[in-house]
Amino acid sequence: MTTRRDFLRKSGIALAGVALSKSVLGHPSVMQAMDYRSERPPLAKRNFTSKAVEATIQRVKAQIKDPKLAWMFENCYPNTLDTTVEFAMKDGKPDTFVITGDIDAMWLRDSSAQVFPYLSLAKEDAQLSLMLEGVIRRQAYCIGLDPYANAFNKGATGSEWDSDRTKMIPQLHERKWEIDSLCYPIRLAYHYWKTTGNTSIFDKPWRYAMSRVYETFVQQQRKNGTTGSPYSFTRVTDKQSDTVLNDGFGSPIKPVGLICSSFRPSDDATVFSFLIPSNLFAVESLHQLAEISEQVTGDHPFALQCKRLAHEVKRAVDQYGKAQHDSFGEIYAYEVDGFGNQLFMDDANVPDLLALPYLCSFIPHNDPVYQNTRRFVWSESNPYFFKGTAAEGIGGPHIGIGWIWPMSLIMRGLTTTNKEEMAYCLKTLRNTDANTGFMHESFWKDDPSRFTRKWFAWANTLFGEFILTIDRVHPELLKG
């Protein structure tokens, strides 16, 4: 098994930025002279095929005038289905295991985000709907095993991280507690229900998993201090962000109603445990759980509990998660501790501050605090905003200084209504793929041919979602 960081080393991509060999990238002049032939696996070797997805590819590709952009869409949009989905029937019900790409494990966050762009097609493709149902069922099973884990094995195979000082079991790949790991499966199940009307997913195992989600959120409010938390984590490592200080409990917090997250969606440790984007995502998820409980499962007491917790967390964010910035006005902080300490930055991994309207229905894109925050995170006041000769964008400490994540450009495009801004993001993404036809985890700000993770399905499928969004709201950008 390979971790995200180890993959960089094994692929010959050092964190300092060693360029990929020509055998991996191809020489740029050669690539530009080539025809844009599909980089998808042959049909017989694809993991999963959807008639609706294939029809969408053909329809949208025909609308795209730029041959390179059309090629990139054809490669990226189906990448999750082509290469990462392992679908089967188990005891008469669908079961879908989804790897991240180059790492042979299933992250609750990544798997949800990878398949989300296919949801809109589920009603017109029964097999696709069944595959998505299988993801939801597998995620409920995983949460039932351990709601504190972020990544799971397909079976009880053990992991290279078995030596981590936390409660590892053989089914776990990694056990880094991240709030968003429990939010993303709720988002997927909720929108699957809204799209298909299928309520069979909300069965006893799913309801048990959701009870553990609620229980975990309450535990991680840590109102009884660290002694009341059943979770801690440390790792023997030379990377500060891969372990948690204070015997695995993190920086001290003042219990104010917010939920602690030991790690960020980047799988890096938090500086202050109250991660604001993830807390806001939890508010959205709790409201979705309440709606399902009221309208489908009939569990009205649980719905009320979810609503009360959502209200408490939102009120705490409003009180402790905002501040007046000298240059941008009132903005959201990235992390806080309840004592008054606040960290002002943003990280490209989603949930982040930039993505708030994408994930949270109660934060519209024109919300004044969000707009102030948006201007902040896409500026040099954000320590992880990088501007080079090739592009500008947001990165994060997971890869390091100077590395821009395409995901930040995609998310900027998905959270704007400005046509010119959307066009800028599209053009930049088109010109920074290193002529591979795929998105990557990150690229060097001055040279896109230096990149990390040549197979990162989340970024690929999210790029496909961006193209579909443009096709819906500003199709002229594709036709021009």
Protein backbone atom coordinates (compact mmCIF):
# COMPACT_ATOMS: atom_id res chain seq x y z
CA MET A 1 0.00 0.00 0.00
CA THR A 2 1.18 3.51 -0.80
CA THR A 3 0.50 6.74 1.05
CA ARG A 4 0.08 10.06 -0.69
CA ARG A 5 3.54 11.24 0.30
CA ASP A 6 5.26 7.93 -0.33
CA PHE A 7 3.77 7.90 -3.81
CA LEU A 8 5.68 11.08 -4.58
CA ARG A 9 8.97 9.44 -3.68
CA LYS A 10 8.26 6.17 -5.47
CA SER A 11 7.27 8.09 -8.60
CA GLY A 12 10.47 10.09 -8.56
CA ILE A 13 8.69 13.30 -7.61
CA ALA A 14 10.45 14.82 -4.65
CA LEU A 15 8.68 17.39 -2.51
CA ALA A 16 11.45 19.78 -3.50
CA GLY A 17 10.17 19.52 -7.05
CA VAL A 18 12.22 17.13 -9.18
CA ALA A 19 10.71 17.10 -12.67
CA LEU A 20 9.11 13.98 -14.06
CA SER A 21 11.06 12.05 -16.65
CA LYS A 22 10.16 12.37 -20.33
CA SER A 23 9.11 8.73 -20.28
CA VAL A 24 6.25 9.70 -17.97
CA LEU A 25 5.28 13.07 -19.44
CA GLY A 26 6.48 12.89 -22.99
CA HIS A 27 8.44 15.77 -24.52
CA PRO A 28 6.17 18.84 -24.76
CA SER A 29 6.96 19.52 -28.42
CA VAL A 30 6.17 15.91 -29.27
CA MET A 31 2.93 15.98 -27.29
CA GLN A 32 1.77 19.16 -29.04
CA ALA A 33 2.31 17.56 -32.42
CA MET A 34 0.34 14.44 -31.53
CA ASP A 35 -3.29 13.79 -32.22
CA TYR A 36 -5.46 13.95 -29.13
CA ARG A 37 -6.13 10.25 -28.87
CA SER A 38 -8.12 9.04 -25.88
CA GLU A 39 -6.08 8.18 -22.79
CA ARG A 40 -8.90 6.04 -21.38
CA PRO A 41 -8.32 2.31 -20.82
CA PRO A 42 -9.61 0.03 -23.60
CA LEU A 43 -13.30 -0.75 -23.13
CA ALA A 44 -12.62 -4.31 -21.94
CA LYS A 45 -10.28 -3.03 -19.22
CA ARG A 46 -12.52 -0.34 -17.78
CA ASN A 47 -13.73 -1.02 -14.25
CA PHE A 48 -17.26 0.23 -14.84
CA THR A 49 -19.15 1.60 -17.84
CA SER A 50 -22.27 3.74 -17.77
CA LYS A 51 -24.38 4.33 -20.85
CA ALA A 52 -25.53 7.68 -19.48
CA VAL A 53 -21.98 8.83 -18.78
CA GLU A 54 -20.82 7.77 -22.25
CA ALA A 55 -23.72 9.63 -23.85
CA THR A 56 -22.88 12.73 -21.80
CA ILE A 57 -19.24 12.56 -22.89
CA GLN A 58 -20.24 12.41 -26.54
CA ARG A 59 -22.81 15.20 -26.22
CA VAL A 60 -20.55 17.62 -24.33
CA LYS A 61 -17.40 16.79 -26.26
CA ALA A 62 -19.21 17.72 -29.47
CA GLN A 63 -19.87 21.17 -27.99
CA ILE A 64 -16.22 21.87 -27.18
CA LYS A 65 -14.43 23.66 -30.00
CA ASP A 66 -10.91 23.40 -28.55
CA PRO A 67 -9.67 19.85 -29.37
CA LYS A 68 -7.35 19.74 -26.38
CA LEU A 69 -10.09 20.74 -23.96
CA ALA A 70 -12.44 18.17 -25.49
CA TRP A 71 -9.70 15.55 -25.09
CA MET A 72 -9.16 16.48 -21.44
CA PHE A 73 -12.88 16.23 -20.67
CA GLU A 74 -13.10 12.82 -22.33
CA ASN A 75 -10.15 11.59 -20.29
CA CYS A 76 -11.04 13.14 -16.94
CA TYR A 77 -14.80 12.92 -16.48
CA PRO A 78 -15.07 9.09 -16.58
CA ASN A 79 -11.73 8.49 -14.83
CA THR A 80 -13.33 7.38 -11.56
CA LEU A 81 -15.52 4.83 -13.34
CA ASP A 82 -12.77 3.71 -15.71
CA THR A 83 -10.08 3.08 -13.14
CA THR A 84 -11.15 3.24 -9.47
CA VAL A 85 -14.60 1.67 -9.01
CA GLU A 86 -14.84 -1.97 -7.90
CA PHE A 87 -18.53 -2.89 -8.13
CA ALA A 88 -20.11 -6.17 -7.04
CA MET A 89 -23.30 -7.60 -5.59
CA LYS A 90 -23.02 -8.84 -2.00
CA ASP A 91 -25.87 -10.73 -0.32
CA GLY A 92 -28.23 -9.40 -2.98
CA LYS A 93 -27.23 -5.76 -2.47
CA PRO A 94 -24.77 -3.56 -4.35
CA ASP A 95 -21.32 -3.06 -2.84
CA THR A 96 -18.88 -0.57 -4.36
CA PHE A 97 -15.31 -0.04 -3.23
CA VAL A 98 -13.65 3.08 -4.66
CA ILE A 99 -9.89 3.66 -4.51
CA THR A 100 -8.41 7.16 -4.82
CA GLY A 101 -6.31 6.30 -7.86
CA ASP A 102 -2.67 5.67 -7.09
CA ILE A 103 -3.48 4.61 -3.51
CA ASP A 104 -5.25 1.27 -3.12
CA ALA A 105 -7.58 2.33 -0.31
CA MET A 106 -11.00 3.95 0.02
CA TRP A 107 -11.19 7.38 1.61
CA LEU A 108 -14.70 8.31 2.75
CA ARG A 109 -14.12 11.85 1.49
CA ASP A 110 -12.51 11.05 -1.84
CA SER A 111 -14.89 8.24 -2.77
CA SER A 112 -17.91 10.47 -2.16
CA ALA A 113 -16.46 13.34 -4.16
CA GLN A 114 -15.27 11.06 -6.96
CA VAL A 115 -18.73 9.69 -7.77
CA PHE A 116 -20.77 12.81 -6.95
CA PRO A 117 -20.56 14.28 -10.50
CA TYR A 118 -22.40 11.21 -11.83
CA LEU A 119 -25.43 11.62 -9.54
CA SER A 120 -27.43 13.72 -11.97
CA LEU A 121 -27.44 10.79 -14.42
CA ALA A 122 -28.57 8.13 -11.94
CA LYS A 123 -32.28 8.26 -12.88
CA GLU A 124 -31.55 7.49 -16.53
CA ASP A 125 -29.07 4.64 -15.93
CA ALA A 126 -30.17 1.86 -13.59
CA GLN A 127 -26.74 0.27 -13.45
CA LEU A 128 -25.10 3.58 -12.56
CA SER A 129 -27.71 4.09 -9.85
CA LEU A 130 -26.93 0.64 -8.48
CA MET A 131 -23.21 1.41 -8.41
CA LEU A 132 -23.84 4.65 -6.49
CA GLU A 133 -26.08 2.81 -4.05
CA GLY A 134 -23.18 0.42 -3.51
CA VAL A 135 -20.88 3.30 -2.55
CA ILE A 136 -23.41 4.53 0.01
CA ARG A 137 -23.80 1.06 1.50
CA ARG A 138 -20.03 0.47 1.65
CA GLN A 139 -19.55 3.83 3.37
CA ALA A 140 -22.20 3.03 5.98
CA TYR A 141 -20.41 -0.24 6.65
CA CYS A 142 -17.09 1.58 7.05
CA ILE A 143 -18.50 4.19 9.43
CA GLY A 144 -20.08 1.41 11.45
CA LEU A 145 -16.64 -0.15 11.83
CA ASP A 146 -14.98 3.04 13.05
CA PRO A 147 -16.30 6.60 12.63
CA TYR A 148 -12.86 8.01 13.45
CA ALA A 149 -11.12 6.43 10.45
CA ASN A 150 -10.59 8.33 7.22
CA ALA A 151 -9.50 5.47 4.91
CA PHE A 152 -10.40 1.79 4.69
CA ASN A 153 -9.09 -1.41 3.13
CA LYS A 154 -11.31 -3.58 0.98
CA GLY A 155 -10.93 -6.38 3.52
CA ALA A 156 -9.24 -7.11 6.82
CA THR A 157 -5.77 -6.90 5.29
CA GLY A 158 -4.03 -4.60 7.72
CA SER A 159 -2.06 -1.51 6.79
CA GLU A 160 1.41 -0.05 6.76
CA TRP A 161 0.03 2.30 9.42
CA ASP A 162 -0.80 -0.45 11.90
CA SER A 163 1.94 0.92 14.15
CA ASP A 164 0.16 4.27 14.57
CA ARG A 165 -0.63 4.94 18.19
CA THR A 166 -4.40 4.82 17.91
CA LYS A 167 -7.00 2.05 17.85
CA MET A 168 -6.22 0.38 14.52
CA ILE A 169 -8.16 -2.66 13.31
CA PRO A 170 -7.30 -4.74 10.20
CA GLN A 171 -10.06 -3.16 8.07
CA LEU A 172 -8.52 0.30 8.41
CA HIS A 173 -5.97 1.82 6.07
CA GLU A 174 -5.57 4.95 8.19
CA ARG A 175 -7.24 6.43 11.26
CA LYS A 176 -6.93 10.18 11.02
CA TRP A 177 -9.99 11.88 12.49
CA GLU A 178 -11.40 14.41 10.03
CA ILE A 179 -14.88 15.91 10.36
CA ASP A 180 -15.39 15.91 6.59
CA SER A 181 -14.95 12.13 6.44
CA LEU A 182 -18.38 11.81 8.04
CA CYS A 183 -19.98 14.72 6.16
CA TYR A 184 -19.25 13.58 2.62
CA PRO A 185 -21.14 10.25 2.89
CA ILE A 186 -24.19 12.12 4.18
CA ARG A 187 -23.97 14.55 1.26
CA LEU A 188 -23.80 11.65 -1.20
CA ALA A 189 -26.71 9.73 0.35
CA TYR A 190 -28.87 12.84 0.67
CA HIS A 191 -28.45 13.92 -2.95
CA TYR A 192 -28.80 10.34 -4.20
CA TRP A 193 -32.18 10.18 -2.45
CA LYS A 194 -33.20 13.58 -3.85
CA THR A 195 -32.16 12.54 -7.36
CA THR A 196 -33.51 8.98 -7.51
CA GLY A 197 -36.19 8.82 -4.82
CA ASN A 198 -34.60 5.57 -3.62
CA THR A 199 -35.07 5.27 0.15
CA SER A 200 -33.88 1.67 0.48
CA ILE A 201 -30.39 2.98 1.32
CA PHE A 202 -31.68 4.28 4.66
CA ASP A 203 -31.78 0.82 6.20
CA LYS A 204 -30.71 -0.37 9.63
CA PRO A 205 -26.91 -0.38 8.91
CA TRP A 206 -27.12 3.15 7.48
CA ARG A 207 -29.14 4.43 10.44
CA TYR A 208 -26.65 2.83 12.83
CA ALA A 209 -23.80 4.54 11.00
CA MET A 210 -25.57 7.90 11.28
CA SER A 211 -26.10 7.43 14.99
CA ARG A 212 -22.33 7.00 15.26
CA VAL A 213 -21.79 10.16 13.20
CA TYR A 214 -23.89 12.17 15.64
CA GLU A 215 -22.23 10.52 18.64
CA THR A 216 -18.76 11.30 17.23
CA PHE A 217 -19.59 14.94 16.55
CA VAL A 218 -20.81 15.36 20.13
CA GLN A 219 -17.76 13.56 21.56
CA GLN A 220 -15.47 15.85 19.60
CA GLN A 221 -17.04 18.97 21.02
CA ARG A 222 -14.92 17.86 24.00
CA LYS A 223 -17.04 19.55 26.60
CA ASN A 224 -15.46 17.27 29.20
CA GLY A 225 -11.91 18.00 28.03
CA THR A 226 -9.55 15.49 26.43
CA THR A 227 -10.48 12.90 29.05
CA GLY A 228 -13.91 12.73 27.43
CA SER A 229 -12.50 12.02 23.98
CA PRO A 230 -12.08 8.37 22.95
CA TYR A 231 -9.77 9.42 20.11
CA SER A 232 -6.10 10.28 20.07
CA PHE A 233 -3.42 9.82 17.43
CA THR A 234 0.35 9.90 17.18
CA ARG A 235 2.72 8.53 14.57
CA VAL A 236 6.48 8.00 14.55
CA THR A 237 7.42 10.27 11.66
CA ASP A 238 9.73 13.06 10.58
CA LYS A 239 6.76 15.09 9.29
CA GLN A 240 5.16 17.38 11.82
CA SER A 241 1.83 17.36 9.98
CA ASP A 242 1.53 13.55 10.19
CA THR A 243 1.24 13.40 13.96
CA VAL A 244 -0.71 15.20 16.69
CA LEU A 245 0.85 17.04 19.61
CA ASN A 246 -0.08 16.78 23.30
CA ASP A 247 -0.18 12.99 23.44
CA GLY A 248 -2.33 12.85 20.32
CA PHE A 249 -5.11 15.21 21.44
CA GLY A 250 -3.93 18.38 19.69
CA SER A 251 -3.67 22.00 20.80
CA PRO A 252 -5.74 22.95 23.83
CA ILE A 253 -9.28 24.11 23.05
CA LYS A 254 -11.95 25.95 24.97
CA PRO A 255 -15.23 24.00 24.57
CA VAL A 256 -17.52 26.53 22.91
CA GLY A 257 -19.76 24.21 20.88
CA LEU A 258 -17.49 23.70 17.89
CA ILE A 259 -16.32 20.22 16.82
CA CYS A 260 -12.64 19.26 16.98
CA SER A 261 -10.97 17.87 13.87
CA SER A 262 -7.54 16.39 14.50
CA PHE A 263 -6.75 16.47 10.77
CA ARG A 264 -7.66 18.54 7.74
CA PRO A 265 -9.10 17.14 4.49
CA SER A 266 -5.50 17.10 3.27
CA ASP A 267 -4.82 14.46 5.97
CA ASP A 268 -2.49 17.02 7.62
CA ALA A 269 -2.82 17.75 11.33
CA THR A 270 -4.67 20.91 12.31
CA VAL A 271 -2.88 23.72 14.15
CA PHE A 272 -6.03 24.70 16.08
CA SER A 273 -8.55 21.89 16.37
CA PHE A 274 -11.68 23.83 15.42
CA LEU A 275 -11.47 23.68 11.63
CA ILE A 276 -14.05 26.21 10.46
CA PRO A 277 -14.82 24.96 6.90
CA SER A 278 -15.38 21.45 8.24
CA ASN A 279 -17.58 22.71 11.07
CA LEU A 280 -19.75 24.54 8.55
CA PHE A 281 -19.89 21.39 6.43
CA ALA A 282 -21.07 19.52 9.54
CA VAL A 283 -23.89 22.05 9.96
CA GLU A 284 -25.06 21.27 6.42
CA SER A 285 -24.78 17.53 7.01
CA LEU A 286 -26.74 17.65 10.25
CA HIS A 287 -29.59 19.50 8.55
CA GLN A 288 -29.59 16.88 5.78
CA LEU A 289 -29.70 14.11 8.38
CA ALA A 290 -32.61 15.85 10.10
CA GLU A 291 -34.54 16.06 6.83
CA ILE A 292 -33.99 12.37 6.07
CA SER A 293 -35.02 11.46 9.62
CA GLU A 294 -38.22 13.49 9.39
CA GLN A 295 -39.29 12.59 5.86
CA VAL A 296 -38.01 9.03 5.41
CA THR A 297 -37.07 7.13 8.56
CA GLY A 298 -39.60 8.82 10.84
CA ASP A 299 -37.07 9.23 13.64
CA HIS A 300 -38.23 12.64 14.84
CA PRO A 301 -36.25 12.64 18.13
CA PHE A 302 -33.03 12.07 16.15
CA ALA A 303 -34.01 14.83 13.71
CA LEU A 304 -34.44 17.22 16.63
CA GLN A 305 -31.04 16.25 18.05
CA CYS A 306 -29.39 16.92 14.69
CA LYS A 307 -31.08 20.31 14.36
CA ARG A 308 -30.04 21.36 17.85
CA LEU A 309 -26.43 20.36 17.27
CA ALA A 310 -26.37 22.14 13.90
CA HIS A 311 -27.70 25.31 15.54
CA GLU A 312 -25.11 25.11 18.32
CA VAL A 313 -22.20 24.65 15.91
CA LYS A 314 -23.38 27.42 13.56
CA ARG A 315 -23.82 29.84 16.45
CA ALA A 316 -20.29 29.02 17.67
CA VAL A 317 -18.84 29.59 14.18
CA ASP A 318 -20.55 32.98 14.03
CA GLN A 319 -19.11 33.91 17.42
CA TYR A 320 -15.61 32.43 17.26
CA GLY A 321 -14.91 31.64 13.61
CA LYS A 322 -15.02 35.13 12.14
CA ALA A 323 -12.81 38.18 12.54
CA GLN A 324 -12.28 41.66 11.16
CA HIS A 325 -9.38 41.65 8.69
CA ASP A 326 -7.51 44.93 8.10
CA SER A 327 -7.67 44.59 4.31
CA PHE A 328 -10.74 42.47 3.58
CA GLY A 329 -13.31 43.23 6.29
CA GLU A 330 -15.13 40.49 8.16
CA ILE A 331 -13.91 37.05 7.04
CA TYR A 332 -13.96 33.44 8.18
CA ALA A 333 -10.85 32.11 9.91
CA TYR A 334 -9.52 28.73 8.79
CA GLU A 335 -8.94 27.34 12.31
CA VAL A 336 -9.62 28.61 15.83
CA ASP A 337 -9.27 27.28 19.39
CA GLY A 338 -12.06 29.06 21.29
CA PHE A 339 -9.55 31.01 23.38
CA GLY A 340 -9.36 33.78 20.79
CA ASN A 341 -6.52 32.40 18.69
CA GLN A 342 -7.30 32.23 14.97
CA LEU A 343 -5.39 30.96 11.92
CA PHE A 344 -5.92 32.88 8.69
CA MET A 345 -5.11 30.84 5.59
CA ASP A 346 -6.80 28.45 3.20
CA ASP A 347 -5.85 25.03 1.89
CA ALA A 348 -6.83 23.72 -1.55
CA ASN A 349 -8.34 20.51 -0.16
CA VAL A 350 -12.13 20.56 0.07
CA PRO A 351 -13.79 21.48 2.40
CA ASP A 352 -11.95 24.75 2.50
CA LEU A 353 -13.06 28.35 2.80
CA LEU A 354 -13.18 28.83 -0.96
CA ALA A 355 -15.63 25.92 -1.37
CA LEU A 356 -18.19 26.99 1.25
CA PRO A 357 -21.07 27.75 -1.20
CA TYR A 358 -20.31 24.53 -3.08
CA LEU A 359 -20.89 22.44 0.06
CA CYS A 360 -23.18 24.56 2.24
CA SER A 361 -26.60 25.57 0.94
CA PHE A 362 -26.97 28.17 3.71
CA ILE A 363 -23.94 30.14 2.46
CA PRO A 364 -24.82 31.68 -0.92
CA HIS A 365 -22.00 32.78 -3.21
CA ASN A 366 -22.98 36.45 -2.72
CA ASP A 367 -22.84 36.28 1.10
CA PRO A 368 -20.76 39.33 2.13
CA VAL A 369 -18.58 37.45 4.64
CA TYR A 370 -17.93 34.71 2.09
CA GLN A 371 -17.07 37.25 -0.62
CA ASN A 372 -14.61 38.98 1.72
CA THR A 373 -13.14 35.59 2.61
CA ARG A 374 -12.93 34.64 -1.06
CA ARG A 375 -10.94 37.78 -1.87
CA PHE A 376 -8.64 37.01 1.06
CA VAL A 377 -7.92 33.38 0.16
CA TRP A 378 -7.18 34.27 -3.48
CA SER A 379 -4.60 36.87 -2.52
CA GLU A 380 -1.07 37.01 -1.23
CA SER A 381 -2.49 37.59 2.26
CA ASN A 382 -3.19 33.85 2.25
CA PRO A 383 0.19 32.21 3.00
CA TYR A 384 -0.73 29.27 0.76
CA PHE A 385 -1.67 31.33 -2.28
CA PHE A 386 1.07 31.05 -4.89
CA LYS A 387 1.64 33.09 -8.03
CA GLY A 388 4.18 32.06 -10.64
CA THR A 389 4.94 32.44 -14.33
CA ALA A 390 2.65 29.53 -15.22
CA ALA A 391 -0.37 30.18 -13.00
CA GLU A 392 -1.71 31.38 -9.68
CA GLY A 393 -3.71 29.37 -7.19
CA ILE A 394 -3.96 27.85 -3.73
CA GLY A 395 -1.85 25.00 -2.43
CA GLY A 396 -1.21 23.86 1.12
CA PRO A 397 1.40 22.41 3.47
CA HIS A 398 0.65 18.84 2.33
CA ILE A 399 2.95 19.28 -0.69
CA GLY A 400 4.61 22.55 0.24
CA ILE A 401 5.45 26.07 -0.79
CA GLY A 402 5.04 26.96 -4.46
CA TRP A 403 2.85 24.02 -5.47
CA ILE A 404 -0.56 24.98 -6.88
CA TRP A 405 -3.46 22.53 -6.72
CA PRO A 406 -5.69 22.37 -9.83
CA MET A 407 -8.52 21.62 -7.39
CA SER A 408 -8.32 25.23 -6.21
CA LEU A 409 -8.77 26.52 -9.76
CA ILE A 410 -11.69 24.14 -10.34
CA MET A 411 -13.33 25.19 -7.09
CA ARG A 412 -12.84 28.86 -7.90
CA GLY A 413 -14.68 28.21 -11.16
CA LEU A 414 -17.46 26.26 -9.45
CA THR A 415 -18.11 28.99 -6.88
CA THR A 416 -18.39 32.00 -9.16
CA THR A 417 -21.19 33.38 -11.29
CA ASN A 418 -18.76 35.61 -13.17
CA LYS A 419 -18.31 34.43 -16.74
CA GLU A 420 -14.84 35.95 -17.14
CA GLU A 421 -13.60 34.36 -13.92
CA MET A 422 -14.94 31.00 -15.03
CA ALA A 423 -13.21 31.41 -18.40
CA TYR A 424 -9.93 32.27 -16.68
CA CYS A 425 -10.06 29.11 -14.56
CA LEU A 426 -10.89 26.99 -17.59
CA LYS A 427 -8.01 28.41 -19.62
CA THR A 428 -5.53 27.99 -16.77
CA LEU A 429 -6.53 24.37 -16.18
CA ARG A 430 -6.27 23.67 -19.90
CA ASN A 431 -2.74 25.06 -20.00
CA THR A 432 -1.35 23.42 -16.85
CA ASP A 433 -2.02 19.71 -17.41
CA ALA A 434 1.55 19.15 -18.69
CA ASN A 435 -0.02 17.83 -21.91
CA THR A 436 -1.09 14.65 -20.12
CA GLY A 437 -4.82 15.16 -20.55
CA PHE A 438 -5.44 14.79 -16.81
CA MET A 439 -5.60 16.87 -13.66
CA HIS A 440 -2.96 16.36 -10.97
CA GLU A 441 -2.70 16.84 -7.26
CA SER A 442 -0.40 19.85 -7.67
CA PHE A 443 1.99 21.49 -10.12
CA TRP A 444 4.93 23.85 -9.71
CA LYS A 445 3.87 27.48 -10.06
CA ASP A 446 6.48 28.21 -12.75
CA ASP A 447 6.43 24.89 -14.61
CA PRO A 448 3.35 22.63 -14.94
CA SER A 449 5.52 19.75 -16.23
CA ARG A 450 6.57 19.32 -12.62
CA PHE A 451 3.57 17.82 -10.87
CA THR A 452 2.50 15.34 -8.20
CA ARG A 453 0.17 12.34 -8.60
CA LYS A 454 -0.39 11.46 -12.24
CA TRP A 455 -3.48 9.41 -11.24
CA PHE A 456 -5.74 11.38 -8.89
CA ALA A 457 -9.34 10.50 -9.70
CA TRP A 458 -11.03 13.12 -7.49
CA ALA A 459 -9.37 16.02 -9.32
CA ASN A 460 -10.12 14.43 -12.69
CA THR A 461 -13.82 13.89 -12.04
CA LEU A 462 -14.18 17.31 -10.42
CA PHE A 463 -12.75 18.85 -13.59
CA GLY A 464 -15.44 16.95 -15.48
CA GLU A 465 -18.05 18.45 -13.16
CA PHE A 466 -16.66 21.92 -13.89
CA ILE A 467 -16.99 21.37 -17.64
CA LEU A 468 -20.59 20.17 -17.18
CA THR A 469 -21.34 23.26 -15.07
CA ILE A 470 -19.96 25.53 -17.79
CA ASP A 471 -22.01 23.65 -20.37
CA ARG A 472 -25.10 24.39 -18.29
CA VAL A 473 -24.54 28.05 -17.38
CA HIS A 474 -22.17 29.45 -20.03
CA PRO A 475 -21.97 26.99 -22.93
CA GLU A 476 -20.53 29.71 -25.15
CA LEU A 477 -17.23 29.33 -23.26
CA LEU A 478 -16.91 25.84 -24.67
CA LYS A 479 -18.06 26.72 -28.16
CA GLY A 480 -15.94 29.83 -28.59
